[in-house]
Amino acid sequence: MNGRHGQSSNPYELTDDTPVYVISVAAQLSGLHPQTLRQYDRLGLVSPDRAAGRGRRYSARDIQLLRQVQRLSQDEGINLAGIKRIIELENQVAALQSRVAELQQAVEGAAVQMRQREAQVHASYRRDLVPYQDVTHSAALVVWRPDRPR
């Protein structure tokens, strides 16, 4: 397997990206002829993983994509080149959405760190200091006596 899909760390865990279906089963599940699946693979529309003997192995996600290609072709009248471009753009959008989510997490993490550092700075303020007040309008008298050396 070439690892084009996000594989889990457990090799025995089946996900939607696990390539398990041979071409005959994938054709039956998608409602397409095996030769159509081969053509889609040659055109780069749906590229399944390859087994050790070079046989195609389709995942559940590949089956969904095959159905989408068929629907776009038959129901919407879109040619295969247009379908390929649609798939590329959808993949690009998904990758960008994933990147945006990563960046949002990074920004949120940075904001938390900033608030923590700000709290540390505020906690380090000397408590014996008194805020400055303008005394030009005050009538109070202040007597200052420096400590005498001992």
N, C-alpha and C. Protein backbone atom coordinates (compact mmCIF):
# COMPACT_ATOMS: atom_id res chain seq x y z
N MET A 1 0.85 -1.19 0.00
CA MET A 1 0.00 0.00 0.00
C MET A 1 0.88 1.23 0.00
N ASN A 2 0.44 2.25 -0.69
CA ASN A 2 1.29 3.42 -0.83
C ASN A 2 0.99 4.49 0.21
N GLY A 3 0.01 4.30 1.06
CA GLY A 3 -0.24 5.24 2.14
C GLY A 3 -0.81 6.57 1.70
N ARG A 4 -1.53 6.61 0.58
CA ARG A 4 -2.08 7.90 0.14
C ARG A 4 -3.18 8.38 1.05
N HIS A 5 -3.81 7.48 1.75
CA HIS A 5 -4.86 7.86 2.70
C HIS A 5 -4.26 7.93 4.09
N GLY A 6 -4.92 8.68 5.00
CA GLY A 6 -4.45 8.76 6.38
C GLY A 6 -4.66 7.44 7.08
N GLN A 7 -3.61 6.66 7.22
CA GLN A 7 -3.71 5.36 7.86
C GLN A 7 -3.64 5.52 9.37
N SER A 8 -4.38 4.70 10.09
CA SER A 8 -4.33 4.75 11.55
C SER A 8 -3.09 3.99 12.01
N SER A 9 -2.75 4.13 13.27
CA SER A 9 -1.58 3.46 13.80
C SER A 9 -1.83 1.97 13.98
N ASN A 10 -3.09 1.54 14.06
CA ASN A 10 -3.44 0.13 14.20
C ASN A 10 -3.64 -0.45 12.80
N PRO A 11 -2.76 -1.35 12.35
CA PRO A 11 -2.88 -1.87 10.98
C PRO A 11 -4.11 -2.74 10.76
N TYR A 12 -4.78 -3.17 11.83
CA TYR A 12 -5.95 -4.03 11.71
C TYR A 12 -7.26 -3.27 11.81
N GLU A 13 -7.18 -1.96 12.02
CA GLU A 13 -8.38 -1.14 12.13
C GLU A 13 -8.85 -0.73 10.73
N LEU A 14 -10.11 -1.02 10.43
CA LEU A 14 -10.66 -0.68 9.12
C LEU A 14 -11.33 0.69 9.20
N THR A 15 -10.96 1.56 8.28
CA THR A 15 -11.56 2.88 8.18
C THR A 15 -12.14 3.03 6.78
N ASP A 16 -12.73 4.18 6.51
CA ASP A 16 -13.25 4.46 5.16
C ASP A 16 -12.12 4.54 4.14
N ASP A 17 -10.90 4.71 4.59
CA ASP A 17 -9.75 4.84 3.68
C ASP A 17 -8.97 3.54 3.52
N THR A 18 -9.40 2.48 4.21
CA THR A 18 -8.68 1.22 4.13
C THR A 18 -8.99 0.53 2.80
N PRO A 19 -7.96 0.28 1.98
CA PRO A 19 -8.20 -0.36 0.68
C PRO A 19 -8.42 -1.86 0.85
N VAL A 20 -9.67 -2.31 0.66
CA VAL A 20 -9.99 -3.72 0.89
C VAL A 20 -10.71 -4.39 -0.27
N TYR A 21 -11.32 -3.61 -1.16
CA TYR A 21 -12.15 -4.20 -2.21
C TYR A 21 -11.37 -4.40 -3.50
N VAL A 22 -11.43 -5.62 -4.05
CA VAL A 22 -10.84 -5.87 -5.36
C VAL A 22 -11.75 -5.22 -6.40
N ILE A 23 -11.26 -5.11 -7.62
CA ILE A 23 -11.96 -4.35 -8.64
C ILE A 23 -13.36 -4.91 -8.94
N SER A 24 -13.52 -6.23 -8.91
CA SER A 24 -14.84 -6.80 -9.21
C SER A 24 -15.87 -6.42 -8.14
N VAL A 25 -15.44 -6.41 -6.88
CA VAL A 25 -16.34 -6.03 -5.79
C VAL A 25 -16.62 -4.53 -5.85
N ALA A 26 -15.59 -3.74 -6.11
CA ALA A 26 -15.76 -2.29 -6.21
C ALA A 26 -16.71 -1.94 -7.35
N ALA A 27 -16.59 -2.66 -8.46
CA ALA A 27 -17.49 -2.42 -9.60
C ALA A 27 -18.92 -2.74 -9.21
N GLN A 28 -19.11 -3.83 -8.52
CA GLN A 28 -20.46 -4.22 -8.10
C GLN A 28 -21.03 -3.21 -7.10
N LEU A 29 -20.23 -2.77 -6.13
CA LEU A 29 -20.70 -1.82 -5.12
C LEU A 29 -21.01 -0.45 -5.73
N SER A 30 -20.26 -0.07 -6.74
CA SER A 30 -20.47 1.25 -7.35
C SER A 30 -21.48 1.22 -8.49
N GLY A 31 -21.82 0.02 -8.96
CA GLY A 31 -22.76 -0.08 -10.08
C GLY A 31 -22.11 0.20 -11.42
N LEU A 32 -20.79 0.08 -11.50
CA LEU A 32 -20.06 0.35 -12.74
C LEU A 32 -19.39 -0.93 -13.24
N HIS A 33 -19.01 -0.92 -14.49
CA HIS A 33 -18.29 -2.05 -15.08
C HIS A 33 -16.82 -1.96 -14.67
N PRO A 34 -16.17 -3.10 -14.43
CA PRO A 34 -14.75 -3.07 -14.05
C PRO A 34 -13.88 -2.30 -15.05
N GLN A 35 -14.22 -2.37 -16.35
CA GLN A 35 -13.43 -1.65 -17.34
C GLN A 35 -13.56 -0.13 -17.14
N THR A 36 -14.74 0.31 -16.68
CA THR A 36 -14.95 1.73 -16.39
C THR A 36 -14.05 2.15 -15.23
N LEU A 37 -13.93 1.30 -14.21
CA LEU A 37 -13.05 1.60 -13.08
C LEU A 37 -11.60 1.71 -13.54
N ARG A 38 -11.19 0.83 -14.45
CA ARG A 38 -9.82 0.89 -14.98
C ARG A 38 -9.60 2.20 -15.74
N GLN A 39 -10.61 2.59 -16.52
CA GLN A 39 -10.50 3.84 -17.27
C GLN A 39 -10.41 5.03 -16.32
N TYR A 40 -11.23 5.05 -15.28
CA TYR A 40 -11.20 6.14 -14.30
C TYR A 40 -9.83 6.20 -13.62
N ASP A 41 -9.23 5.02 -13.38
CA ASP A 41 -7.90 4.97 -12.77
C ASP A 41 -6.87 5.55 -13.74
N ARG A 42 -6.92 5.17 -15.02
CA ARG A 42 -5.99 5.69 -16.02
C ARG A 42 -6.10 7.21 -16.16
N LEU A 43 -7.33 7.73 -16.05
CA LEU A 43 -7.56 9.16 -16.18
C LEU A 43 -7.24 9.93 -14.88
N GLY A 44 -7.01 9.20 -13.80
CA GLY A 44 -6.70 9.84 -12.52
C GLY A 44 -7.92 10.34 -11.78
N LEU A 45 -9.11 9.86 -12.15
CA LEU A 45 -10.33 10.27 -11.44
C LEU A 45 -10.43 9.59 -10.08
N VAL A 46 -10.27 8.29 -10.07
CA VAL A 46 -10.28 7.50 -8.84
C VAL A 46 -9.07 6.59 -8.92
N SER A 47 -8.10 6.83 -8.05
CA SER A 47 -6.85 6.07 -8.07
C SER A 47 -6.76 5.20 -6.83
N PRO A 48 -7.11 3.91 -6.98
CA PRO A 48 -7.06 3.02 -5.81
C PRO A 48 -5.62 2.68 -5.45
N ASP A 49 -5.46 2.17 -4.23
CA ASP A 49 -4.14 1.66 -3.83
C ASP A 49 -3.87 0.38 -4.61
N ARG A 50 -2.63 -0.07 -4.56
CA ARG A 50 -2.25 -1.31 -5.24
C ARG A 50 -1.79 -2.32 -4.21
N ALA A 51 -2.21 -3.56 -4.39
CA ALA A 51 -1.75 -4.66 -3.54
C ALA A 51 -0.35 -5.07 -3.99
N ALA A 52 0.27 -5.96 -3.25
CA ALA A 52 1.64 -6.39 -3.57
C ALA A 52 1.73 -6.94 -4.99
N GLY A 53 0.70 -7.63 -5.47
CA GLY A 53 0.70 -8.19 -6.81
C GLY A 53 0.24 -7.19 -7.86
N ARG A 54 0.17 -5.91 -7.51
CA ARG A 54 -0.22 -4.79 -8.38
C ARG A 54 -1.72 -4.75 -8.66
N GLY A 55 -2.51 -5.59 -8.00
CA GLY A 55 -3.96 -5.54 -8.17
C GLY A 55 -4.53 -4.32 -7.45
N ARG A 56 -5.56 -3.74 -8.04
CA ARG A 56 -6.19 -2.56 -7.45
C ARG A 56 -6.95 -2.96 -6.19
N ARG A 57 -6.89 -2.08 -5.18
CA ARG A 57 -7.66 -2.27 -3.95
C ARG A 57 -8.37 -0.96 -3.66
N TYR A 58 -9.68 -1.02 -3.63
CA TYR A 58 -10.52 0.16 -3.43
C TYR A 58 -10.98 0.24 -1.98
N SER A 59 -11.09 1.46 -1.50
CA SER A 59 -11.60 1.70 -0.14
C SER A 59 -13.06 2.12 -0.23
N ALA A 60 -13.71 2.21 0.91
CA ALA A 60 -15.11 2.68 0.94
C ALA A 60 -15.19 4.11 0.41
N ARG A 61 -14.18 4.92 0.70
CA ARG A 61 -14.14 6.30 0.18
C ARG A 61 -14.01 6.30 -1.35
N ASP A 62 -13.21 5.36 -1.88
CA ASP A 62 -13.10 5.23 -3.33
C ASP A 62 -14.44 4.87 -3.96
N ILE A 63 -15.18 3.99 -3.31
CA ILE A 63 -16.50 3.58 -3.81
C ILE A 63 -17.43 4.79 -3.84
N GLN A 64 -17.41 5.60 -2.79
CA GLN A 64 -18.23 6.82 -2.77
C GLN A 64 -17.82 7.75 -3.91
N LEU A 65 -16.54 7.87 -4.14
CA LEU A 65 -16.05 8.74 -5.21
C LEU A 65 -16.48 8.21 -6.58
N LEU A 66 -16.43 6.89 -6.76
CA LEU A 66 -16.90 6.30 -8.02
C LEU A 66 -18.37 6.63 -8.26
N ARG A 67 -19.17 6.53 -7.21
CA ARG A 67 -20.60 6.86 -7.32
C ARG A 67 -20.78 8.35 -7.66
N GLN A 68 -19.96 9.20 -7.05
CA GLN A 68 -20.04 10.64 -7.34
C GLN A 68 -19.67 10.92 -8.79
N VAL A 69 -18.63 10.28 -9.29
CA VAL A 69 -18.23 10.46 -10.69
C VAL A 69 -19.37 10.02 -11.61
N GLN A 70 -19.97 8.88 -11.31
CA GLN A 70 -21.07 8.38 -12.13
C GLN A 70 -22.25 9.36 -12.12
N ARG A 71 -22.58 9.88 -10.93
CA ARG A 71 -23.70 10.82 -10.81
C ARG A 71 -23.43 12.10 -11.59
N LEU A 72 -22.22 12.65 -11.43
CA LEU A 72 -21.87 13.87 -12.15
C LEU A 72 -21.89 13.66 -13.66
N SER A 73 -21.45 12.50 -14.07
CA SER A 73 -21.41 12.21 -15.50
C SER A 73 -22.81 12.00 -16.08
N GLN A 74 -23.59 11.15 -15.43
CA GLN A 74 -24.90 10.80 -16.00
C GLN A 74 -25.99 11.80 -15.67
N ASP A 75 -26.07 12.22 -14.41
CA ASP A 75 -27.17 13.10 -13.99
C ASP A 75 -26.90 14.56 -14.34
N GLU A 76 -25.64 15.00 -14.23
CA GLU A 76 -25.32 16.40 -14.45
C GLU A 76 -24.77 16.66 -15.85
N GLY A 77 -24.40 15.60 -16.56
CA GLY A 77 -23.89 15.76 -17.92
C GLY A 77 -22.50 16.37 -17.99
N ILE A 78 -21.70 16.20 -16.96
CA ILE A 78 -20.35 16.77 -16.93
C ILE A 78 -19.39 15.76 -17.53
N ASN A 79 -18.49 16.24 -18.39
CA ASN A 79 -17.52 15.32 -19.00
C ASN A 79 -16.45 14.94 -17.98
N LEU A 80 -15.66 13.91 -18.32
CA LEU A 80 -14.69 13.37 -17.36
C LEU A 80 -13.61 14.38 -16.99
N ALA A 81 -13.20 15.23 -17.94
CA ALA A 81 -12.20 16.26 -17.63
C ALA A 81 -12.77 17.24 -16.60
N GLY A 82 -14.03 17.60 -16.76
CA GLY A 82 -14.68 18.50 -15.80
C GLY A 82 -14.82 17.85 -14.44
N ILE A 83 -15.15 16.57 -14.43
CA ILE A 83 -15.28 15.83 -13.17
C ILE A 83 -13.93 15.76 -12.46
N LYS A 84 -12.86 15.52 -13.24
CA LYS A 84 -11.52 15.47 -12.64
C LYS A 84 -11.19 16.80 -11.98
N ARG A 85 -11.52 17.91 -12.66
CA ARG A 85 -11.25 19.24 -12.10
C ARG A 85 -12.08 19.48 -10.84
N ILE A 86 -13.33 19.05 -10.83
CA ILE A 86 -14.19 19.19 -9.65
C ILE A 86 -13.59 18.43 -8.48
N ILE A 87 -13.14 17.21 -8.73
CA ILE A 87 -12.53 16.40 -7.65
C ILE A 87 -11.27 17.07 -7.13
N GLU A 88 -10.44 17.58 -8.03
CA GLU A 88 -9.21 18.28 -7.61
C GLU A 88 -9.54 19.48 -6.74
N LEU A 89 -10.54 20.25 -7.17
CA LEU A 89 -10.92 21.44 -6.40
C LEU A 89 -11.51 21.07 -5.04
N GLU A 90 -12.32 20.02 -5.00
CA GLU A 90 -12.87 19.56 -3.72
C GLU A 90 -11.77 19.11 -2.77
N ASN A 91 -10.77 18.41 -3.32
CA ASN A 91 -9.63 17.98 -2.49
C ASN A 91 -8.84 19.18 -1.99
N GLN A 92 -8.69 20.18 -2.86
CA GLN A 92 -7.97 21.39 -2.46
C GLN A 92 -8.73 22.13 -1.36
N VAL A 93 -10.03 22.23 -1.50
CA VAL A 93 -10.85 22.89 -0.48
C VAL A 93 -10.73 22.15 0.85
N ALA A 94 -10.81 20.82 0.81
CA ALA A 94 -10.69 20.03 2.04
C ALA A 94 -9.33 20.25 2.70
N ALA A 95 -8.26 20.29 1.89
CA ALA A 95 -6.92 20.52 2.45
C ALA A 95 -6.82 21.91 3.06
N LEU A 96 -7.40 22.91 2.40
CA LEU A 96 -7.37 24.27 2.94
C LEU A 96 -8.19 24.39 4.22
N GLN A 97 -9.33 23.72 4.26
CA GLN A 97 -10.13 23.75 5.48
C GLN A 97 -9.39 23.10 6.64
N SER A 98 -8.68 22.03 6.35
CA SER A 98 -7.87 21.37 7.38
C SER A 98 -6.77 22.32 7.87
N ARG A 99 -6.13 23.01 6.94
CA ARG A 99 -5.05 23.95 7.31
C ARG A 99 -5.60 25.11 8.13
N VAL A 100 -6.78 25.62 7.76
CA VAL A 100 -7.40 26.70 8.53
C VAL A 100 -7.67 26.23 9.96
N ALA A 101 -8.17 25.01 10.10
CA ALA A 101 -8.44 24.47 11.44
C ALA A 101 -7.14 24.37 12.25
N GLU A 102 -6.05 23.93 11.61
CA GLU A 102 -4.75 23.86 12.29
C GLU A 102 -4.31 25.24 12.75
N LEU A 103 -4.44 26.22 11.86
CA LEU A 103 -4.02 27.58 12.19
C LEU A 103 -4.88 28.18 13.30
N GLN A 104 -6.18 27.88 13.28
CA GLN A 104 -7.05 28.37 14.35
C GLN A 104 -6.64 27.80 15.69
N GLN A 105 -6.28 26.53 15.72
CA GLN A 105 -5.80 25.91 16.96
C GLN A 105 -4.51 26.57 17.42
N ALA A 106 -3.63 26.85 16.47
CA ALA A 106 -2.35 27.50 16.82
C ALA A 106 -2.60 28.89 17.39
N VAL A 107 -3.51 29.64 16.79
CA VAL A 107 -3.83 30.99 17.28
C VAL A 107 -4.44 30.91 18.68
N GLU A 108 -5.34 29.96 18.87
CA GLU A 108 -5.95 29.81 20.19
C GLU A 108 -4.91 29.43 21.24
N GLY A 109 -3.98 28.56 20.87
CA GLY A 109 -2.91 28.18 21.78
C GLY A 109 -2.01 29.36 22.11
N ALA A 110 -1.70 30.17 21.11
CA ALA A 110 -0.88 31.35 21.34
C ALA A 110 -1.60 32.35 22.23
N ALA A 111 -2.91 32.49 22.06
CA ALA A 111 -3.68 33.41 22.89
C ALA A 111 -3.67 32.95 24.34
N VAL A 112 -3.79 31.65 24.56
CA VAL A 112 -3.75 31.11 25.93
C VAL A 112 -2.39 31.38 26.56
N GLN A 113 -1.32 31.15 25.79
CA GLN A 113 0.03 31.41 26.31
C GLN A 113 0.22 32.89 26.62
N MET A 114 -0.31 33.76 25.76
CA MET A 114 -0.19 35.19 25.99
C MET A 114 -0.91 35.59 27.28
N ARG A 115 -2.11 35.05 27.48
CA ARG A 115 -2.84 35.38 28.71
C ARG A 115 -2.11 34.86 29.95
N GLN A 116 -1.49 33.68 29.83
CA GLN A 116 -0.73 33.14 30.96
C GLN A 116 0.49 34.01 31.27
N ARG A 117 1.19 34.43 30.23
CA ARG A 117 2.35 35.30 30.44
C ARG A 117 1.93 36.65 31.00
N GLU A 118 0.83 37.16 30.52
CA GLU A 118 0.31 38.43 31.03
C GLU A 118 -0.03 38.30 32.52
N ALA A 119 -0.63 37.17 32.89
CA ALA A 119 -0.96 36.94 34.29
C ALA A 119 0.32 36.84 35.13
N GLN A 120 1.36 36.23 34.58
CA GLN A 120 2.63 36.14 35.30
C GLN A 120 3.23 37.52 35.51
N VAL A 121 3.15 38.37 34.50
CA VAL A 121 3.68 39.73 34.63
C VAL A 121 2.89 40.48 35.69
N HIS A 122 1.59 40.38 35.64
CA HIS A 122 0.77 41.07 36.64
C HIS A 122 1.05 40.54 38.05
N ALA A 123 1.29 39.26 38.17
CA ALA A 123 1.59 38.67 39.48
C ALA A 123 2.95 39.13 40.00
N SER A 124 3.84 39.53 39.10
CA SER A 124 5.17 39.94 39.53
C SER A 124 5.24 41.41 39.96
N TYR A 125 4.16 42.14 39.79
CA TYR A 125 4.16 43.55 40.19
C TYR A 125 4.45 43.65 41.69
N ARG A 126 5.20 44.68 42.05
CA ARG A 126 5.49 44.91 43.48
C ARG A 126 4.25 45.49 44.13
N ARG A 127 3.87 44.90 45.22
CA ARG A 127 2.66 45.33 45.91
C ARG A 127 2.91 46.53 46.84
N ASP A 128 4.20 46.85 47.10
CA ASP A 128 4.50 47.96 47.98
C ASP A 128 4.52 49.29 47.24
N LEU A 129 4.37 49.26 45.93
CA LEU A 129 4.33 50.50 45.16
C LEU A 129 2.91 51.05 45.17
N VAL A 130 2.82 52.36 45.22
CA VAL A 130 1.52 53.03 45.24
C VAL A 130 1.34 53.75 43.92
N PRO A 131 0.19 53.68 43.33
CA PRO A 131 -0.01 54.40 42.07
C PRO A 131 0.19 55.90 42.25
N TYR A 132 0.75 56.53 41.26
CA TYR A 132 0.99 57.97 41.28
C TYR A 132 -0.33 58.72 41.22
N GLN A 133 -0.44 59.75 42.05
CA GLN A 133 -1.61 60.62 42.00
C GLN A 133 -1.12 62.06 41.91
N ASP A 134 -1.75 62.82 41.05
CA ASP A 134 -1.38 64.22 40.88
C ASP A 134 -1.82 64.98 42.13
N VAL A 135 -0.87 65.66 42.80
CA VAL A 135 -1.16 66.35 44.06
C VAL A 135 -1.31 67.85 43.87
N THR A 136 -1.35 68.33 42.66
CA THR A 136 -1.46 69.78 42.46
C THR A 136 -2.78 70.33 42.98
N HIS A 137 -3.80 69.53 43.03
CA HIS A 137 -5.11 69.98 43.50
C HIS A 137 -5.39 69.58 44.93
N SER A 138 -4.39 69.03 45.59
CA SER A 138 -4.60 68.56 46.96
C SER A 138 -4.04 69.60 47.95
N ALA A 139 -4.67 69.66 49.08
CA ALA A 139 -4.21 70.55 50.13
C ALA A 139 -3.50 69.78 51.23
N ALA A 140 -3.23 68.50 50.99
CA ALA A 140 -2.59 67.67 52.00
C ALA A 140 -1.12 68.03 52.14
N LEU A 141 -0.63 67.88 53.34
CA LEU A 141 0.76 68.14 53.63
C LEU A 141 1.43 66.80 53.88
N VAL A 142 2.56 66.58 53.22
CA VAL A 142 3.29 65.33 53.35
C VAL A 142 4.64 65.64 53.95
N VAL A 143 4.99 64.91 55.00
CA VAL A 143 6.28 65.09 55.63
C VAL A 143 7.10 63.86 55.31
N TRP A 144 8.30 64.16 54.81
CA TRP A 144 9.17 63.04 54.45
C TRP A 144 10.37 63.04 55.37
N ARG A 145 10.61 61.90 55.98
CA ARG A 145 11.76 61.77 56.84
C ARG A 145 12.54 60.54 56.40
N PRO A 146 13.71 60.76 55.86
CA PRO A 146 14.50 59.61 55.42
C PRO A 146 15.00 58.82 56.64
N ASP A 147 15.20 57.54 56.43
CA ASP A 147 15.75 56.72 57.51
C ASP A 147 17.17 57.21 57.81
N ARG A 148 17.47 57.31 59.11
CA ARG A 148 18.81 57.73 59.50
C ARG A 148 19.73 56.54 59.54
N PRO A 149 20.93 56.70 59.08
CA PRO A 149 21.88 55.58 59.12
C PRO A 149 22.11 55.11 60.54
N ARG A 150 22.30 53.89 60.75
CA ARG A 150 22.45 53.32 62.11
C ARG A 150 23.86 53.03 62.44
